[in-house]
Every structure is written in C-alpha cells, then in structure tokens.
Amino acid sequence: MGRSILAVIAGYLVMAIAIAVIFTLVYIVMGADGAFKPGSYEVSGTWIAMSFVVGALAALGGGFVCALIAKSMGAPKVLAGLVLVAGLAEAGWIATHPKPDPGPRTGGVSNVEAMSRAQTPTWIAVLTALIGGAGAFAGAKLKIKD
C-alpha cells in the first residue's frame, strides 16, 4: 500500500515539475507574441498545440515513473484517475469562474503575469484533463506490459 501511495505521489510530482519547467522554457522561447494572439491575453493556436504536447509528454513521464515504483498497474490507474478528476475539476472552475478581462496586452509580459492573465477557453482544460489521464495510463503501459 505504501509503495502504491509513493508511486502515485512521485508520478504526480514528475508531471507537475515537468509541466512547470517545460512551460517556462517554451514561454521563454515563444515569448508573449508567440503565446498570445496579437494585443491580447487570449492564447494562440501555437500555444494551445504546444500545451497539448507538453501535457502529454509530462503525463507519459509521470505514468512511467508511477509504474516503475509501483511495479503493477493499480497505482498508475489511480494516478490517471486523479489527473482526470483534478483536470475536469479545474475545467469546471474555469467554466464557472471566468477571469476578468485583463485588457489589451502591451509590451513584454513576464511568465508569472502571463500565467495570471492568460485567457484560456474551457474546452482546452477539458481536453488537457483527458490527455493527462490517458497519457499517465499510456506511460505506465510503456513500463508494465500486461
């Protein structure tokens, strides 16, 4: 039981750290003009596509680490479910608590400011949750072949 709990926590941490690091690097490379539509905080199509790729890779890594520690598919299934439920809860929050309009975007925008002001549609959060859950499960299957 302890091994399974550790596996889920480790898998989730791998995902969270990978997402934070990779998104920061992607934002540095793309800049505000690549991450957002011109003059606004509405995320660009390129950013959306990158977010799905980053999320999928992070989920694969988290699922793999979880399976590596757990040595069975039980814990990775819990991780996949946790990622899915947490992601859908976030999507529900986004849908019911929209961010106020931050106004027009001018000049350079720090990574922290970009995260706090980004206007992301709810459907992206839903799809991200689905990709995350499926990715965590698929990452575990890379390690454990039934």
Foldseek 3Di string as FASTA:
>chain_A
DVLLVVLLVQLVVQLVVQLVVVVLVVCVVQFPPNQAPPFALEGDPVNLVVLLVSLLVSLLSSLQSSCVRNVDLPSLLVNLVVLLVVLVVVLVCCVVPPDPGPGTDDDGDDPVRSVVHHGYHSVSSNVSSVSNSVSSSVSSCVVDPD
